N, C-alpha and C. Protein backbone atom coordinates (compact mmCIF):
# COMPACT_ATOMS: atom_id res chain seq x y z
N ASP A 1 64.80 100.95 117.20
CA ASP A 1 64.53 101.65 118.47
C ASP A 1 64.40 103.17 118.27
N ALA A 2 65.34 103.71 117.46
CA ALA A 2 65.33 105.13 117.20
C ALA A 2 63.96 105.55 116.42
N GLY A 3 63.64 104.68 115.50
CA GLY A 3 62.38 104.88 114.76
C GLY A 3 61.16 104.97 115.64
N ARG A 4 61.10 103.96 116.61
CA ARG A 4 59.95 104.01 117.54
C ARG A 4 59.98 105.19 118.38
N ARG A 5 61.19 105.64 118.90
CA ARG A 5 61.30 106.79 119.74
C ARG A 5 60.83 108.02 119.00
N ARG A 6 61.21 108.12 117.73
CA ARG A 6 60.70 109.31 116.93
C ARG A 6 59.23 109.26 116.73
N THR A 7 58.63 108.17 116.46
CA THR A 7 57.25 108.07 116.32
C THR A 7 56.49 108.35 117.58
N THR A 8 57.00 107.95 118.77
CA THR A 8 56.42 108.33 119.94
C THR A 8 56.53 109.81 120.27
N GLN A 9 57.73 110.46 119.86
CA GLN A 9 57.76 111.83 120.00
C GLN A 9 56.78 112.62 119.04
N ASP A 10 56.69 112.01 117.82
CA ASP A 10 55.75 112.65 116.87
C ASP A 10 54.34 112.56 117.32
N ASP A 11 53.97 111.45 117.96
CA ASP A 11 52.58 111.24 118.50
C ASP A 11 52.37 112.19 119.63
N ALA A 12 53.31 112.43 120.49
CA ALA A 12 53.14 113.27 121.66
C ALA A 12 53.05 114.78 121.14
N GLY A 13 53.80 115.15 120.20
CA GLY A 13 53.66 116.43 119.54
C GLY A 13 52.27 116.68 118.92
N ARG A 14 51.79 115.66 118.22
CA ARG A 14 50.49 115.81 117.70
C ARG A 14 49.40 115.93 118.66
N ARG A 15 49.48 115.17 119.74
CA ARG A 15 48.60 115.30 120.88
C ARG A 15 48.56 116.66 121.53
N ARG A 16 49.70 117.14 121.66
CA ARG A 16 49.92 118.53 122.33
C ARG A 16 49.32 119.59 121.30
N THR A 17 49.55 119.45 120.14
CA THR A 17 49.11 120.44 119.07
C THR A 17 47.50 120.31 119.09
N THR A 18 46.97 119.08 119.04
CA THR A 18 45.58 118.86 118.99
C THR A 18 44.90 119.54 120.34
N ARG A 19 45.50 119.33 121.49
CA ARG A 19 45.05 119.87 122.64
C ARG A 19 44.94 121.38 122.56
N ALA A 20 45.96 122.00 121.93
CA ALA A 20 46.09 123.43 121.82
C ALA A 20 44.99 123.88 120.86
N GLY A 21 44.62 123.02 119.85
CA GLY A 21 43.56 123.43 118.93
C GLY A 21 42.21 123.42 119.58
N LEU A 22 42.01 122.42 120.47
CA LEU A 22 40.81 122.37 121.24
C LEU A 22 40.66 123.60 122.11
N ARG A 23 41.74 124.00 122.68
CA ARG A 23 41.72 125.29 123.58
C ARG A 23 41.33 126.39 122.74
N LEU A 24 41.88 126.45 121.50
CA LEU A 24 41.57 127.66 120.73
C LEU A 24 40.13 127.71 120.28
N ILE A 25 39.57 126.43 120.01
CA ILE A 25 38.10 126.40 119.64
C ILE A 25 37.32 127.01 120.86
N LEU A 26 37.64 126.62 122.10
CA LEU A 26 36.90 127.15 123.21
C LEU A 26 37.15 128.56 123.44
N LEU A 27 38.41 129.04 123.20
CA LEU A 27 38.69 130.51 123.49
C LEU A 27 38.13 131.42 122.55
N THR A 28 38.04 130.94 121.20
CA THR A 28 37.51 131.80 120.14
C THR A 28 36.12 131.60 119.72
N GLY A 29 35.52 130.40 120.08
CA GLY A 29 34.23 130.22 119.68
C GLY A 29 34.15 129.84 118.23
N GLN A 30 35.25 129.60 117.53
CA GLN A 30 35.11 129.28 116.12
C GLN A 30 34.93 127.75 115.88
N ARG A 31 34.46 127.43 114.72
CA ARG A 31 34.24 126.06 114.34
C ARG A 31 35.48 125.24 114.23
N PRO A 32 35.48 123.95 114.61
CA PRO A 32 36.66 123.16 114.41
C PRO A 32 37.26 123.20 113.05
N GLY A 33 36.50 123.23 111.99
CA GLY A 33 37.08 123.32 110.70
C GLY A 33 37.88 124.49 110.43
N GLU A 34 37.39 125.66 111.01
CA GLU A 34 38.01 126.96 110.79
C GLU A 34 39.30 127.00 111.52
N VAL A 35 39.34 126.43 112.81
CA VAL A 35 40.55 126.39 113.57
C VAL A 35 41.56 125.43 112.95
N ALA A 36 41.11 124.29 112.50
CA ALA A 36 41.95 123.27 111.87
C ALA A 36 42.73 123.78 110.64
N GLY A 37 41.90 124.70 109.80
CA GLY A 37 42.55 125.20 108.67
C GLY A 37 43.24 126.54 108.85
N LEU A 38 43.41 127.04 110.09
CA LEU A 38 44.09 128.29 110.39
C LEU A 38 45.31 128.41 109.71
N ARG A 39 45.44 129.56 108.91
CA ARG A 39 46.63 129.83 108.18
C ARG A 39 47.40 130.96 108.88
N ARG A 40 48.66 130.84 108.89
CA ARG A 40 49.46 131.95 109.52
C ARG A 40 49.19 133.35 108.99
N ASP A 41 48.95 133.39 107.63
CA ASP A 41 48.71 134.70 107.04
C ASP A 41 47.34 135.36 107.43
N GLU A 42 46.54 134.56 108.22
CA GLU A 42 45.21 135.03 108.64
C GLU A 42 45.36 135.77 109.99
N LEU A 43 46.54 135.61 110.60
CA LEU A 43 46.78 136.12 111.93
C LEU A 43 47.48 137.53 111.93
N ASP A 44 46.97 138.40 112.71
CA ASP A 44 47.62 139.68 112.96
C ASP A 44 47.92 139.71 114.50
N LEU A 45 48.99 139.02 114.91
CA LEU A 45 49.29 138.79 116.31
C LEU A 45 49.56 140.16 117.06
N SER A 46 50.19 140.98 116.41
CA SER A 46 50.40 142.34 117.09
C SER A 46 49.18 143.08 117.46
N ALA A 47 48.13 142.79 116.60
CA ALA A 47 46.84 143.53 116.89
C ALA A 47 45.93 142.59 117.71
N GLY A 48 46.36 141.35 117.83
CA GLY A 48 45.43 140.36 118.54
C GLY A 48 44.24 139.99 117.77
N LEU A 49 44.38 139.85 116.42
CA LEU A 49 43.15 139.59 115.57
C LEU A 49 43.42 138.40 114.71
N TRP A 50 42.35 137.66 114.39
CA TRP A 50 42.39 136.63 113.38
C TRP A 50 41.45 136.96 112.36
N HIS A 51 41.87 137.22 111.09
CA HIS A 51 41.07 137.55 109.98
C HIS A 51 40.64 136.35 109.17
N LEU A 52 39.50 135.89 109.45
CA LEU A 52 39.03 134.60 108.77
C LEU A 52 38.38 134.94 107.54
N PRO A 53 39.03 134.58 106.29
CA PRO A 53 38.45 135.01 104.97
C PRO A 53 37.06 134.32 104.72
N ALA A 54 36.43 135.09 103.91
CA ALA A 54 35.01 134.71 103.53
C ALA A 54 34.87 133.26 103.05
N GLU A 55 35.84 132.89 102.29
CA GLU A 55 35.81 131.48 101.73
C GLU A 55 35.90 130.42 102.71
N ARG A 56 36.19 130.80 103.96
CA ARG A 56 36.39 129.70 104.97
C ARG A 56 35.31 129.87 106.08
N THR A 57 34.31 130.72 105.80
CA THR A 57 33.25 130.88 106.79
C THR A 57 31.96 130.23 106.30
N LYS A 58 31.25 129.81 107.14
CA LYS A 58 29.86 129.36 106.90
C LYS A 58 29.06 130.44 106.30
N SER A 59 29.06 131.69 106.75
CA SER A 59 28.34 132.74 106.19
C SER A 59 28.80 133.39 104.84
N ALA A 60 30.04 132.90 104.52
CA ALA A 60 30.75 133.48 103.32
C ALA A 60 31.02 134.88 103.38
N ARG A 61 31.32 135.35 104.64
CA ARG A 61 31.66 136.79 104.90
C ARG A 61 32.94 136.77 105.78
N LEU A 62 33.78 137.83 105.46
CA LEU A 62 34.96 137.99 106.28
C LEU A 62 34.61 138.08 107.75
N HIS A 63 35.31 137.44 108.51
CA HIS A 63 35.02 137.45 110.06
C HIS A 63 36.31 137.73 110.78
N THR A 64 36.37 138.76 111.51
CA THR A 64 37.52 139.12 112.36
C THR A 64 37.18 138.63 113.84
N VAL A 65 38.16 137.81 114.22
CA VAL A 65 38.03 137.26 115.64
C VAL A 65 39.03 137.84 116.51
N PRO A 66 38.63 138.60 117.61
CA PRO A 66 39.54 139.06 118.55
C PRO A 66 40.22 137.93 119.35
N LEU A 67 41.45 138.05 119.56
CA LEU A 67 42.20 136.88 120.27
C LEU A 67 42.58 137.39 121.77
N SER A 68 42.22 136.59 122.63
CA SER A 68 42.47 136.83 124.06
C SER A 68 43.96 136.62 124.33
N ARG A 69 44.43 136.98 125.47
CA ARG A 69 45.84 136.71 125.83
C ARG A 69 46.06 135.29 125.86
N ALA A 70 45.11 134.47 126.32
CA ALA A 70 45.35 133.06 126.47
C ALA A 70 45.43 132.47 125.00
N ALA A 71 44.57 132.88 124.10
CA ALA A 71 44.68 132.48 122.75
C ALA A 71 46.04 132.84 122.03
N LEU A 72 46.43 134.16 122.28
CA LEU A 72 47.70 134.48 121.75
C LEU A 72 48.91 133.70 122.29
N ALA A 73 48.86 133.27 123.59
CA ALA A 73 49.88 132.50 124.13
C ALA A 73 49.95 131.18 123.53
N ILE A 74 48.80 130.51 123.22
CA ILE A 74 48.71 129.29 122.53
C ILE A 74 49.34 129.34 121.23
N LEU A 75 48.94 130.38 120.46
CA LEU A 75 49.47 130.61 119.11
C LEU A 75 50.95 130.76 119.15
N ASP A 76 51.49 131.47 120.12
CA ASP A 76 52.84 131.70 120.23
C ASP A 76 53.68 130.43 120.54
N GLU A 77 53.04 129.60 121.44
CA GLU A 77 53.69 128.31 121.73
C GLU A 77 53.58 127.30 120.53
N LEU A 78 52.59 127.38 119.77
CA LEU A 78 52.48 126.63 118.45
C LEU A 78 53.55 127.08 117.45
N ARG A 79 53.75 128.37 117.33
CA ARG A 79 54.71 128.93 116.34
C ARG A 79 56.15 128.51 116.77
N ALA A 80 56.47 128.33 118.09
CA ALA A 80 57.71 127.82 118.51
C ALA A 80 58.04 126.45 118.20
N VAL A 81 56.94 125.58 118.04
CA VAL A 81 57.18 124.15 117.81
C VAL A 81 56.98 123.70 116.39
N SER A 82 56.27 124.60 115.56
CA SER A 82 55.86 124.17 114.27
C SER A 82 56.96 124.50 113.23
N THR A 83 57.12 123.72 112.27
CA THR A 83 58.01 124.01 111.13
C THR A 83 57.31 124.45 109.85
N CYS A 84 56.01 124.51 109.95
CA CYS A 84 55.14 124.80 108.77
C CYS A 84 54.93 126.30 108.70
N ALA A 85 55.29 126.77 107.54
CA ALA A 85 55.10 128.21 107.32
C ALA A 85 53.67 128.61 106.98
N GLN A 86 52.90 127.66 106.45
CA GLN A 86 51.50 128.03 106.04
C GLN A 86 50.47 127.78 107.03
N PHE A 87 50.45 126.65 107.69
CA PHE A 87 49.31 126.40 108.59
C PHE A 87 49.79 126.35 110.12
N VAL A 88 48.90 126.75 110.90
CA VAL A 88 49.19 126.73 112.34
C VAL A 88 49.05 125.22 112.83
N PHE A 89 48.07 124.44 112.28
CA PHE A 89 47.93 122.98 112.43
C PHE A 89 48.09 122.22 111.19
N PRO A 90 49.48 121.97 110.96
CA PRO A 90 49.71 121.28 109.61
C PRO A 90 49.45 119.86 109.68
N SER A 91 49.03 119.21 108.61
CA SER A 91 48.86 117.85 108.44
C SER A 91 50.25 117.17 108.17
N PRO A 92 50.41 115.92 108.58
CA PRO A 92 51.57 115.15 108.12
C PRO A 92 51.79 115.21 106.55
N LYS A 93 50.66 115.39 105.83
CA LYS A 93 50.64 115.51 104.45
C LYS A 93 51.03 116.89 104.12
N VAL A 94 52.06 117.07 103.25
CA VAL A 94 52.72 118.33 102.95
C VAL A 94 51.66 119.15 102.23
N GLY A 95 51.59 120.43 102.66
CA GLY A 95 50.67 121.44 102.02
C GLY A 95 49.33 121.39 102.49
N GLN A 96 48.89 120.71 103.55
CA GLN A 96 47.59 120.48 103.98
C GLN A 96 47.58 120.88 105.64
N SER A 97 46.36 121.28 105.99
CA SER A 97 46.19 121.36 107.41
C SER A 97 45.66 120.12 107.94
N ILE A 98 45.52 119.98 109.21
CA ILE A 98 44.86 118.77 109.82
C ILE A 98 43.34 118.84 109.51
N ASN A 99 42.71 117.68 109.61
CA ASN A 99 41.33 117.58 109.31
C ASN A 99 40.69 117.88 110.67
N ASP A 100 39.46 118.58 110.59
CA ASP A 100 38.82 118.94 111.80
C ASP A 100 38.35 117.65 112.59
N GLU A 101 38.30 116.57 111.94
CA GLU A 101 38.03 115.30 112.64
C GLU A 101 39.09 115.01 113.66
N ALA A 102 40.27 115.45 113.58
CA ALA A 102 41.33 115.24 114.72
C ALA A 102 40.82 115.78 115.98
N PHE A 103 40.21 116.98 115.86
CA PHE A 103 39.73 117.79 117.08
C PHE A 103 38.53 116.82 117.65
N ALA A 104 37.59 116.39 116.72
CA ALA A 104 36.46 115.71 117.15
C ALA A 104 36.83 114.33 117.87
N ARG A 105 37.89 113.61 117.32
CA ARG A 105 38.28 112.42 117.90
C ARG A 105 38.76 112.72 119.22
N ALA A 106 39.71 113.74 119.43
CA ALA A 106 40.32 114.16 120.64
C ALA A 106 39.34 114.49 121.78
N LEU A 107 38.26 115.18 121.25
CA LEU A 107 37.16 115.61 122.19
C LEU A 107 36.38 114.38 122.70
N ARG A 108 36.06 113.43 121.74
CA ARG A 108 35.37 112.27 122.16
C ARG A 108 36.17 111.43 123.17
N VAL A 109 37.45 111.36 122.99
CA VAL A 109 38.33 110.62 124.02
C VAL A 109 38.30 111.40 125.28
N ALA A 110 38.48 112.64 125.26
CA ALA A 110 38.52 113.52 126.40
C ALA A 110 37.25 113.50 127.30
N VAL A 111 36.15 113.50 126.74
CA VAL A 111 34.94 113.51 127.49
C VAL A 111 34.13 112.06 127.45
N SER A 112 34.76 111.11 127.15
CA SER A 112 34.11 109.77 127.21
C SER A 112 33.58 109.48 128.52
N ILE A 113 32.38 109.32 128.68
CA ILE A 113 31.70 108.88 129.89
C ILE A 113 30.70 107.83 129.62
N ASP A 114 30.63 106.88 130.41
CA ASP A 114 29.69 105.77 130.19
C ASP A 114 28.34 106.37 130.71
N PRO A 115 27.39 106.41 129.75
CA PRO A 115 26.05 106.88 130.20
C PRO A 115 25.31 106.11 131.18
N ASP A 116 25.70 104.84 131.38
CA ASP A 116 25.03 104.01 132.39
C ASP A 116 25.72 104.16 133.88
N GLU A 117 26.83 104.94 133.89
CA GLU A 117 27.45 105.17 135.15
C GLU A 117 26.48 105.93 136.12
N LYS A 118 26.51 105.41 137.40
CA LYS A 118 25.71 106.03 138.41
C LYS A 118 26.01 107.47 138.52
N GLY A 119 24.98 108.31 138.69
CA GLY A 119 25.18 109.68 138.99
C GLY A 119 25.37 110.54 137.68
N VAL A 120 25.33 109.89 136.50
CA VAL A 120 25.46 110.66 135.28
C VAL A 120 24.05 110.75 134.66
N PRO A 121 23.46 111.94 134.62
CA PRO A 121 22.11 112.09 134.24
C PRO A 121 21.93 111.74 132.72
N SER A 122 20.88 111.18 132.35
CA SER A 122 20.69 110.88 130.92
C SER A 122 19.92 111.97 130.30
N THR A 123 20.36 112.24 129.00
CA THR A 123 19.65 113.27 128.23
C THR A 123 18.72 112.74 127.24
N LYS A 124 18.61 111.34 127.20
CA LYS A 124 17.78 110.68 126.17
C LYS A 124 16.42 111.23 126.21
N GLY A 125 15.80 111.23 127.40
CA GLY A 125 14.39 111.70 127.36
C GLY A 125 14.28 113.13 127.08
N THR A 126 15.23 113.94 127.38
CA THR A 126 15.18 115.35 126.98
C THR A 126 15.25 115.53 125.45
N LEU A 127 16.14 114.82 124.90
CA LEU A 127 16.47 114.89 123.46
C LEU A 127 15.30 114.33 122.66
N ASN A 128 14.54 113.39 123.20
CA ASN A 128 13.55 112.74 122.46
C ASN A 128 12.17 113.41 122.68
N SER A 129 12.01 114.33 123.47
CA SER A 129 10.75 114.92 123.80
C SER A 129 10.44 116.10 123.07
């Protein structure tokens, strides 16, 4: 019973962390893979900046992302609950960040809408034209 309770708490913590990551994607406009791999040493919280190194960007150039108060609050909240010194979004696998697919799965669940539902416009015609 204690093992099941711990697993449920771990699952709840992962969901909370994933939701925080989705909010950071929206607040910063960065790619899911960039947010998933966010390293603590890339952050300058006192200046409100995220220095994304060239090797982690699509353009292969250093990118500095200004962080809003809302983004800083999320990062502060995550710092308070995480035990990982390296990654903001650590994987259960030691020494790795979560995979950006975790964000994609969460987003698919969050916005799952039946396209045949009345009142939901279809984009099929628009996409195929």
